[in-house]
Amino acid sequence: MSSSPWTLLPPPGFQRYDCVGCGACCRGRFAIGVTPEEYARIMAQGWEADPALAGKTLFLPHGDHYVTAYDAAGACVFLDERGLCRIHAKFGEAAKPLACRLYPFRFIPAGRQARVSIRFDCPEVACNRGRALPAHLPALRALLPHALPPAAMDVPVPPLFGRVSCTWDRLARIIDAVDRLLCAKSLDVTRRVAGGVNFAALLRNPRLSALNERAFADFLTTVAGKVTEAAEGDALGRTAPPALARAAFRQLAGVYARADYRGAPARLGQRFATAVRLLTGGGAVPAIQPDFPAVPFSALEDAFGIPDAEAAEPIIRYLRARVLSMGFCGAAFYGRAVLDGLDALLFTYPLLLWFARLFSAGRNRSTLDRAAAERAVEIVDHQHGVTPILNLPSERRRLSFLCERTILRSLVVWYGS
């Protein structure tokens, strides 16, 4: 086994996963990056003699590396007629590109530590099927030195917000405090997230940088306690967010719903029509993905009630996994500051419920169910922190507007109750 200078933090045991060979990760995903060394190795495997691949383009140049080619439907060119990887079948898992071997896992550097993140756009992760993640530690330790070079230890600590600095230790304390709030059994899921919005807002204090470590820890404990106590008595008060906020919310939901793949036709006219419908909120929700039901926008604004424990489970699990992996800020999320990234993660709660409402309403249900929540988690996590579209200046401004404290809280309560 390869040695590594990293300390690998065990992933959470509440999350489960095992690959079942469904091939979902090889269809409709962003192009798979391949290093020049991997390109040369795979090209030397003799695929030009395979009747199914002879004469086909296998890789496309992309900057200083390559990406796998896709067919017209967005499937990796190496998938066979059964939807399985030809490279894996012929030469074994170790012969595949590192990106394929690592998925759905991702390592996130934090000083000399490496945290484990996992992609919820994998159906098995979203549905929490398979072994508990700590069972994957031997395989993860073997992949770690290949996925994270020692130079990644120089990745800087993201600021707390603006120019207010943070440290890895303080970030770890914040993560623990947020996770405890997400686990608070005295609160339903909507009040937990609303409390998280208040917690993040209270940390936007430039004086925090002057506190020593003990005082900072005491401050977090005090704030977390007060936020939880306030959330327990929160009447919520479901009031429609401003019309401008709801329009911006629908537009951003459209970005999250996109299922782009390299080489897909532009279809600019269709995209423009979809954008107009998302902006106006009139008629039915556009079928941005093939399984979107024909549901009017208005049906998603009804009171569905606070999600019960069964429907909330995939959502809480997703939020906790993102928080504990540190996959919500810094290098893992467009280089954003800690609190900006935390606000963006909490914003996914109303977004997740909007999609869950869509699938529930499509089955004529007036409450959310677990299957709808699992599908919503797949959709949102496929784009969150991944697509470069969300890092465009226009989308950064839109997200910043929607994460303003009063607007974000109104969205959380409106779609969460």
Protein backbone atom coordinates (compact mmCIF):
# COMPACT_ATOMS: atom_id res chain seq x y z
CA MET A 1 0.00 0.00 0.00
CA SER A 2 1.31 3.47 -0.88
CA SER A 3 2.38 5.63 2.03
CA SER A 4 0.94 9.09 2.51
CA PRO A 5 1.94 12.12 4.57
CA TRP A 6 -1.74 12.80 5.20
CA THR A 7 -3.83 12.00 8.26
CA LEU A 8 -7.07 10.63 6.87
CA LEU A 9 -10.06 11.44 9.05
CA PRO A 10 -12.58 8.57 9.10
CA PRO A 11 -15.80 9.39 7.21
CA PRO A 12 -19.11 9.34 9.13
CA GLY A 13 -20.67 6.00 9.90
CA PHE A 14 -24.22 7.25 9.34
CA GLN A 15 -23.59 7.32 5.58
CA ARG A 16 -23.49 4.10 3.57
CA TYR A 17 -22.34 3.21 0.05
CA ASP A 18 -21.36 0.34 -2.22
CA CYS A 19 -21.10 0.37 -5.99
CA VAL A 20 -23.72 -1.80 -7.71
CA GLY A 21 -22.52 -1.12 -11.25
CA CYS A 22 -25.59 0.89 -12.27
CA GLY A 23 -23.48 3.10 -14.56
CA ALA A 24 -25.33 6.27 -13.53
CA CYS A 25 -22.02 8.04 -12.88
CA CYS A 26 -20.94 7.29 -16.46
CA ARG A 27 -24.00 8.92 -18.02
CA GLY A 28 -24.93 12.57 -18.08
CA ARG A 29 -22.07 13.63 -15.82
CA PHE A 30 -19.37 16.18 -16.48
CA ALA A 31 -16.46 14.89 -18.54
CA ILE A 32 -14.00 12.61 -16.75
CA GLY A 33 -10.52 14.09 -16.54
CA VAL A 34 -7.62 11.87 -17.56
CA THR A 35 -3.95 12.72 -17.00
CA PRO A 36 -1.46 12.39 -19.90
CA GLU A 37 -0.05 9.29 -18.18
CA GLU A 38 -3.48 7.69 -17.90
CA TYR A 39 -4.24 8.62 -21.48
CA ALA A 40 -1.07 6.91 -22.72
CA ARG A 41 -1.71 3.81 -20.59
CA ILE A 42 -5.32 3.38 -21.75
CA MET A 43 -4.48 4.06 -25.39
CA ALA A 44 -1.87 1.29 -25.12
CA GLN A 45 -4.54 -1.21 -24.07
CA GLY A 46 -5.38 -1.93 -27.72
CA TRP A 47 -8.89 -0.57 -27.97
CA GLU A 48 -8.48 0.11 -31.68
CA ALA A 49 -8.86 -3.66 -32.18
CA ASP A 50 -12.17 -3.74 -30.27
CA PRO A 51 -14.99 -3.86 -32.88
CA ALA A 52 -17.23 -1.71 -30.69
CA LEU A 53 -14.64 1.09 -30.38
CA ALA A 54 -12.64 0.82 -33.62
CA GLY A 55 -12.55 4.18 -35.38
CA LYS A 56 -14.20 6.02 -32.49
CA THR A 57 -12.73 9.00 -30.66
CA LEU A 58 -11.89 7.83 -27.16
CA PHE A 59 -10.49 11.02 -25.63
CA LEU A 60 -10.63 14.74 -26.26
CA PRO A 61 -7.85 17.19 -25.32
CA HIS A 62 -8.81 19.60 -22.55
CA GLY A 63 -6.12 22.05 -21.43
CA ASP A 64 -3.13 20.12 -20.08
CA HIS A 65 -5.03 16.82 -19.84
CA TYR A 66 -7.73 14.83 -21.60
CA VAL A 67 -11.37 13.93 -21.02
CA THR A 68 -13.20 10.79 -22.00
CA ALA A 69 -15.38 11.07 -25.09
CA TYR A 70 -19.16 10.66 -24.81
CA ASP A 71 -21.78 9.38 -27.20
CA ALA A 72 -24.80 11.38 -28.37
CA ALA A 73 -26.75 10.43 -25.24
CA GLY A 74 -24.00 11.55 -22.89
CA ALA A 75 -22.72 8.07 -22.00
CA CYS A 76 -19.00 7.42 -21.67
CA VAL A 77 -17.62 5.85 -24.84
CA PHE A 78 -16.14 3.01 -22.78
CA LEU A 79 -19.54 1.78 -21.56
CA ASP A 80 -20.62 -1.50 -23.11
CA GLU A 81 -24.12 -2.54 -24.14
CA ARG A 82 -24.84 -3.60 -20.54
CA GLY A 83 -23.84 -0.18 -19.21
CA LEU A 84 -20.61 -1.52 -17.67
CA CYS A 85 -17.07 -0.23 -18.10
CA ARG A 86 -15.05 -2.02 -20.78
CA ILE A 87 -11.75 -1.04 -19.14
CA HIS A 88 -12.84 -2.50 -15.80
CA ALA A 89 -14.17 -5.68 -17.39
CA LYS A 90 -11.01 -6.36 -19.41
CA PHE A 91 -8.19 -5.09 -17.21
CA GLY A 92 -9.67 -4.65 -13.72
CA GLU A 93 -10.56 -1.63 -11.59
CA ALA A 94 -6.95 -0.47 -11.17
CA ALA A 95 -6.70 0.11 -14.93
CA LYS A 96 -9.41 2.79 -14.93
CA PRO A 97 -8.70 6.53 -14.60
CA LEU A 98 -8.24 7.72 -11.02
CA ALA A 99 -11.36 9.91 -11.30
CA CYS A 100 -13.45 6.79 -12.00
CA ARG A 101 -11.85 4.74 -9.23
CA LEU A 102 -12.35 7.51 -6.69
CA TYR A 103 -15.98 8.37 -7.46
CA PRO A 104 -18.17 9.02 -5.51
CA PHE A 105 -15.51 9.89 -2.95
CA ARG A 106 -13.48 13.07 -2.82
CA PHE A 107 -10.63 14.07 -0.52
CA ILE A 108 -10.64 17.58 0.94
CA PRO A 109 -7.34 18.90 2.35
CA ALA A 110 -7.26 20.70 5.69
CA GLY A 111 -3.68 21.34 6.63
CA ARG A 112 -2.10 17.90 7.15
CA GLN A 113 -5.51 16.29 7.47
CA ALA A 114 -7.66 14.95 4.67
CA ARG A 115 -11.42 14.74 5.05
CA VAL A 116 -13.61 12.46 2.99
CA SER A 117 -16.51 13.86 1.02
CA ILE A 118 -18.97 11.79 -0.97
CA ARG A 119 -21.14 12.66 -3.95
CA PHE A 120 -24.88 12.35 -3.41
CA ASP A 121 -25.59 12.34 -7.14
CA CYS A 122 -24.78 8.63 -6.89
CA PRO A 123 -28.18 6.92 -6.33
CA GLU A 124 -26.69 4.44 -3.84
CA VAL A 125 -25.35 7.31 -1.73
CA ALA A 126 -28.61 9.25 -1.88
CA CYS A 127 -30.56 6.15 -0.82
CA ASN A 128 -27.93 5.18 1.79
CA ARG A 129 -27.39 1.63 0.60
CA GLY A 130 -24.29 -0.49 1.17
CA ARG A 131 -21.59 -0.60 3.82
CA ALA A 132 -21.00 2.20 6.31
CA LEU A 133 -18.30 4.52 4.96
CA PRO A 134 -15.63 3.58 7.53
CA ALA A 135 -15.56 0.13 5.88
CA HIS A 136 -14.04 1.81 2.81
CA LEU A 137 -11.04 3.18 4.72
CA PRO A 138 -8.50 0.64 3.37
CA ALA A 139 -9.40 1.49 -0.23
CA LEU A 140 -9.47 5.21 0.53
CA ARG A 141 -6.03 5.09 2.16
CA ALA A 142 -4.67 3.40 -0.96
CA LEU A 143 -6.13 6.09 -3.22
CA LEU A 144 -5.21 9.06 -1.02
CA PRO A 145 -1.56 9.55 -2.09
CA HIS A 146 -2.60 9.44 -5.74
CA ALA A 147 -5.50 11.86 -5.30
CA LEU A 148 -3.87 14.40 -2.95
CA PRO A 149 -0.24 15.36 -3.58
CA PRO A 150 1.76 16.76 -0.63
CA ALA A 151 1.55 20.21 -2.23
CA ALA A 152 -2.14 20.28 -1.34
CA MET A 153 -1.08 20.80 2.27
CA ASP A 154 -0.38 24.39 1.26
CA VAL A 155 -4.06 25.03 0.47
CA PRO A 156 -4.89 28.08 2.59
CA VAL A 157 -7.53 28.14 5.27
CA PRO A 158 -10.62 29.88 3.88
CA PRO A 159 -11.43 33.13 5.71
CA LEU A 160 -14.33 33.14 8.12
CA PHE A 161 -15.95 35.88 6.03
CA GLY A 162 -14.64 38.87 4.13
CA ARG A 163 -11.13 39.55 5.44
CA VAL A 164 -11.71 37.97 8.84
CA SER A 165 -9.26 35.09 9.10
CA CYS A 166 -9.89 31.59 10.36
CA THR A 167 -7.74 28.60 11.34
CA TRP A 168 -8.15 24.90 10.69
CA ASP A 169 -8.84 24.34 14.38
CA ARG A 170 -11.52 27.05 14.47
CA LEU A 171 -13.09 25.73 11.31
CA ALA A 172 -13.24 22.27 12.89
CA ARG A 173 -14.99 23.77 15.93
CA ILE A 174 -17.52 25.52 13.71
CA ILE A 175 -18.16 22.27 11.85
CA ASP A 176 -18.81 20.44 15.11
CA ALA A 177 -21.18 23.17 16.32
CA VAL A 178 -23.18 23.15 13.07
CA ASP A 179 -23.35 19.37 13.08
CA ARG A 180 -24.69 19.34 16.64
CA LEU A 181 -27.39 21.78 15.58
CA LEU A 182 -28.32 19.58 12.61
CA CYS A 183 -28.61 16.64 15.01
CA ALA A 184 -30.72 18.46 17.63
CA LYS A 185 -33.51 15.99 18.45
CA SER A 186 -35.58 18.71 20.11
CA LEU A 187 -36.00 20.43 16.72
CA ASP A 188 -37.68 19.42 13.49
CA VAL A 189 -35.61 19.71 10.33
CA THR A 190 -36.92 23.15 9.31
CA ARG A 191 -36.15 24.65 12.70
CA ARG A 192 -32.68 23.08 12.62
CA VAL A 193 -31.91 24.74 9.29
CA ALA A 194 -33.49 28.06 10.33
CA GLY A 195 -31.34 27.90 13.45
CA GLY A 196 -28.31 27.30 11.23
CA VAL A 197 -29.11 30.48 9.31
CA ASN A 198 -29.17 32.43 12.58
CA PHE A 199 -25.99 30.74 13.80
CA ALA A 200 -24.09 31.71 10.64
CA ALA A 201 -25.35 35.28 10.89
CA LEU A 202 -24.19 35.61 14.50
CA LEU A 203 -20.69 34.51 13.53
CA ARG A 204 -20.34 37.43 11.14
CA ASN A 205 -18.61 39.47 13.81
CA PRO A 206 -15.18 40.93 12.96
CA ARG A 207 -14.27 40.93 16.65
CA LEU A 208 -14.04 37.13 16.63
CA SER A 209 -10.54 37.33 15.18
CA ALA A 210 -9.34 38.98 18.40
CA LEU A 211 -10.50 36.10 20.62
CA ASN A 212 -8.06 33.49 21.85
CA GLU A 213 -8.84 29.81 21.28
CA ARG A 214 -10.55 29.26 24.63
CA ALA A 215 -12.70 32.37 24.26
CA PHE A 216 -13.60 31.41 20.69
CA ALA A 217 -14.70 27.93 21.81
CA ASP A 218 -16.77 29.41 24.64
CA PHE A 219 -18.35 31.88 22.22
CA LEU A 220 -19.38 29.06 19.86
CA THR A 221 -20.89 27.07 22.72
CA THR A 222 -22.85 30.07 23.96
CA VAL A 223 -24.14 31.05 20.54
CA ALA A 224 -25.08 27.48 19.61
CA GLY A 225 -27.01 27.11 22.88
CA LYS A 226 -28.91 30.35 22.40
CA VAL A 227 -29.69 29.53 18.77
CA THR A 228 -31.06 26.11 19.72
CA GLU A 229 -33.14 27.56 22.54
CA ALA A 230 -34.56 30.24 20.25
CA ALA A 231 -35.31 27.66 17.54
CA GLU A 232 -37.29 25.53 20.00
CA GLY A 233 -39.69 28.43 20.52
CA ASP A 234 -39.69 29.60 16.91
CA ALA A 235 -43.26 29.86 15.61
CA LEU A 236 -41.80 29.98 12.08
CA GLY A 237 -44.66 32.03 10.60
CA ARG A 238 -44.96 30.91 7.00
CA THR A 239 -44.94 34.09 4.88
CA ALA A 240 -44.28 34.20 1.15
CA PRO A 241 -40.79 35.48 0.27
CA PRO A 242 -40.68 38.64 -1.89
CA ALA A 243 -41.67 38.06 -5.51
CA LEU A 244 -38.19 39.06 -6.69
CA ALA A 245 -36.62 36.49 -4.37
CA ARG A 246 -38.95 33.74 -5.59
CA ALA A 247 -38.14 34.58 -9.21
CA ALA A 248 -34.40 34.47 -8.48
CA PHE A 249 -34.92 31.22 -6.57
CA ARG A 250 -36.67 29.57 -9.52
CA GLN A 251 -33.93 30.70 -11.87
CA LEU A 252 -31.25 29.21 -9.64
CA ALA A 253 -33.31 26.03 -9.33
CA GLY A 254 -33.14 25.83 -13.11
CA VAL A 255 -29.35 25.95 -12.98
CA TYR A 256 -29.28 23.14 -10.44
CA ALA A 257 -31.66 21.07 -12.55
CA ARG A 258 -29.47 21.20 -15.66
CA ALA A 259 -28.02 17.86 -16.75
CA ASP A 260 -25.15 19.00 -18.94
CA TYR A 261 -22.62 16.74 -20.57
CA ARG A 262 -19.74 17.44 -22.92
CA GLY A 263 -20.82 17.56 -26.54
CA ALA A 264 -24.51 18.06 -25.79
CA PRO A 265 -26.36 20.19 -28.37
CA ALA A 266 -26.80 23.81 -27.35
CA ARG A 267 -30.60 24.02 -27.93
CA LEU A 268 -30.48 27.72 -27.19
CA GLY A 269 -34.11 28.29 -28.10
CA GLN A 270 -35.29 25.66 -25.64
CA ARG A 271 -33.04 27.05 -22.91
CA PHE A 272 -34.36 30.56 -23.48
CA ALA A 273 -37.97 29.37 -23.25
CA THR A 274 -37.14 27.48 -20.06
CA ALA A 275 -35.45 30.54 -18.56
CA VAL A 276 -38.52 32.69 -19.29
CA ARG A 277 -40.86 30.20 -17.64
CA LEU A 278 -38.62 29.97 -14.59
CA LEU A 279 -38.51 33.74 -14.35
CA THR A 280 -42.26 34.23 -14.62
CA GLY A 281 -43.33 31.12 -12.70
CA GLY A 282 -46.35 30.64 -14.94
CA GLY A 283 -47.71 27.33 -16.17
CA ALA A 284 -45.97 24.02 -15.57
CA VAL A 285 -42.43 23.47 -14.38
CA PRO A 286 -40.28 22.82 -17.49
CA ALA A 287 -39.18 19.21 -17.98
CA ILE A 288 -35.50 20.09 -17.56
CA GLN A 289 -34.78 16.47 -16.67
CA PRO A 290 -36.60 13.49 -18.24
CA ASP A 291 -38.27 12.40 -14.99
CA PHE A 292 -39.72 15.84 -14.14
CA PRO A 293 -43.51 15.46 -13.83
CA ALA A 294 -45.94 17.95 -15.36
CA VAL A 295 -46.70 20.03 -12.27
CA PRO A 296 -47.72 23.73 -12.21
CA PHE A 297 -45.38 26.12 -10.42
CA SER A 298 -48.25 27.15 -8.17
CA ALA A 299 -48.51 23.64 -6.71
CA LEU A 300 -44.99 23.97 -5.30
CA GLU A 301 -45.97 27.05 -3.30
CA ASP A 302 -48.65 25.26 -1.26
CA ALA A 303 -48.15 24.36 2.38
CA PHE A 304 -46.77 20.80 2.45
CA GLY A 305 -46.03 20.88 6.16
CA ILE A 306 -42.70 20.31 7.87
CA PRO A 307 -41.09 17.13 6.47
CA ASP A 308 -41.53 14.16 8.78
CA ALA A 309 -38.54 12.19 10.05
CA GLU A 310 -38.62 9.73 7.14
CA ALA A 311 -38.66 12.41 4.43
CA ALA A 312 -36.15 14.57 6.29
CA GLU A 313 -33.59 11.78 6.76
CA PRO A 314 -31.88 12.04 3.32
CA ILE A 315 -31.80 15.83 3.61
CA ILE A 316 -30.26 15.93 7.08
CA ARG A 317 -27.81 13.22 6.07
CA TYR A 318 -26.78 15.24 3.03
CA LEU A 319 -26.29 18.45 4.99
CA ARG A 320 -24.33 16.68 7.74
CA ALA A 321 -22.10 14.86 5.24
CA ARG A 322 -21.29 18.13 3.50
CA VAL A 323 -20.55 19.90 6.77
CA LEU A 324 -18.42 17.14 8.31
CA SER A 325 -16.38 16.68 5.13
CA MET A 326 -15.70 20.43 5.01
CA GLY A 327 -17.09 20.24 1.49
CA PHE A 328 -19.10 23.44 1.83
CA CYS A 329 -16.36 26.08 1.68
CA GLY A 330 -12.82 26.82 0.59
CA ALA A 331 -11.27 24.85 -2.25
CA ALA A 332 -14.20 22.42 -2.19
CA PHE A 333 -16.71 25.18 -2.96
CA TYR A 334 -15.31 27.72 -5.40
CA GLY A 335 -12.87 29.12 -2.83
CA ARG A 336 -15.69 30.69 -0.80
CA ALA A 337 -15.32 31.91 2.78
CA VAL A 338 -16.58 29.64 5.57
CA LEU A 339 -19.80 31.51 6.32
CA ASP A 340 -20.56 32.24 2.67
CA GLY A 341 -20.23 28.53 1.95
CA LEU A 342 -22.33 27.63 4.98
CA ASP A 343 -25.10 29.99 3.86
CA ALA A 344 -24.96 28.45 0.38
CA LEU A 345 -25.26 24.96 1.87
CA LEU A 346 -28.24 26.00 4.02
CA PHE A 347 -29.78 27.50 0.88
CA THR A 348 -29.89 23.99 -0.58
CA TYR A 349 -32.56 23.13 2.02
CA PRO A 350 -35.39 25.12 0.36
CA LEU A 351 -33.94 24.08 -2.99
CA LEU A 352 -34.08 20.40 -2.03
CA LEU A 353 -37.65 20.82 -0.82
CA TRP A 354 -38.66 22.58 -4.05
CA PHE A 355 -37.52 19.56 -6.05
CA ALA A 356 -38.98 17.14 -3.51
CA ARG A 357 -42.31 18.97 -3.76
CA LEU A 358 -42.13 18.64 -7.53
CA PHE A 359 -41.82 14.85 -7.40
CA SER A 360 -44.34 14.50 -4.58
CA ALA A 361 -46.91 16.67 -6.37
CA GLY A 362 -46.30 14.64 -9.52
CA ARG A 363 -47.62 11.63 -7.59
CA ASN A 364 -50.60 13.65 -6.30
CA ARG A 365 -49.20 13.77 -2.78
CA SER A 366 -49.69 16.79 -0.52
CA THR A 367 -46.81 15.82 1.78
CA LEU A 368 -43.20 14.96 1.03
CA ASP A 369 -42.02 11.36 0.87
CA ARG A 370 -38.56 9.87 1.26
CA ALA A 371 -38.19 8.82 -2.40
CA ALA A 372 -38.85 12.39 -3.54
CA ALA A 373 -36.28 13.71 -1.05
CA GLU A 374 -33.67 11.19 -2.23
CA ARG A 375 -34.17 12.20 -5.85
CA ALA A 376 -33.94 15.88 -4.88
CA VAL A 377 -30.61 15.27 -3.13
CA GLU A 378 -29.25 13.61 -6.28
CA ILE A 379 -30.20 16.61 -8.43
CA VAL A 380 -28.88 19.32 -6.13
CA ASP A 381 -25.58 17.67 -5.24
CA HIS A 382 -24.83 16.98 -8.90
CA GLN A 383 -24.27 20.72 -9.36
CA HIS A 384 -23.47 22.14 -5.90
CA GLY A 385 -19.81 23.10 -5.89
CA VAL A 386 -19.23 21.23 -9.15
CA THR A 387 -20.60 23.10 -12.12
CA PRO A 388 -18.60 26.18 -13.15
CA ILE A 389 -21.91 27.90 -13.96
CA LEU A 390 -22.56 28.50 -10.26
CA ASN A 391 -19.25 30.33 -10.02
CA LEU A 392 -20.11 32.84 -12.74
CA PRO A 393 -20.43 36.43 -11.45
CA SER A 394 -24.15 36.52 -12.27
CA GLU A 395 -24.87 33.35 -10.31
CA ARG A 396 -22.64 34.41 -7.41
CA ARG A 397 -24.66 37.63 -7.15
CA ARG A 398 -27.94 35.75 -7.36
CA LEU A 399 -26.89 33.32 -4.63
CA SER A 400 -25.58 36.13 -2.43
CA PHE A 401 -28.94 37.90 -2.73
CA LEU A 402 -30.87 34.75 -1.83
CA CYS A 403 -28.55 34.04 1.12
CA GLU A 404 -29.22 37.39 2.77
CA ARG A 405 -30.41 36.43 6.24
CA THR A 406 -34.06 37.50 6.07
CA ILE A 407 -34.55 36.18 2.54
CA LEU A 408 -32.85 32.87 3.27
CA ARG A 409 -34.92 32.35 6.40
CA SER A 410 -38.13 33.15 4.52
CA LEU A 411 -37.23 30.59 1.85
CA VAL A 412 -36.37 27.97 4.48
CA VAL A 413 -39.72 28.44 6.24
CA TRP A 414 -41.82 28.88 3.07
CA TYR A 415 -40.68 25.63 1.44
CA GLY A 416 -40.00 23.86 4.74
CA SER A 417 -43.48 24.08 6.23
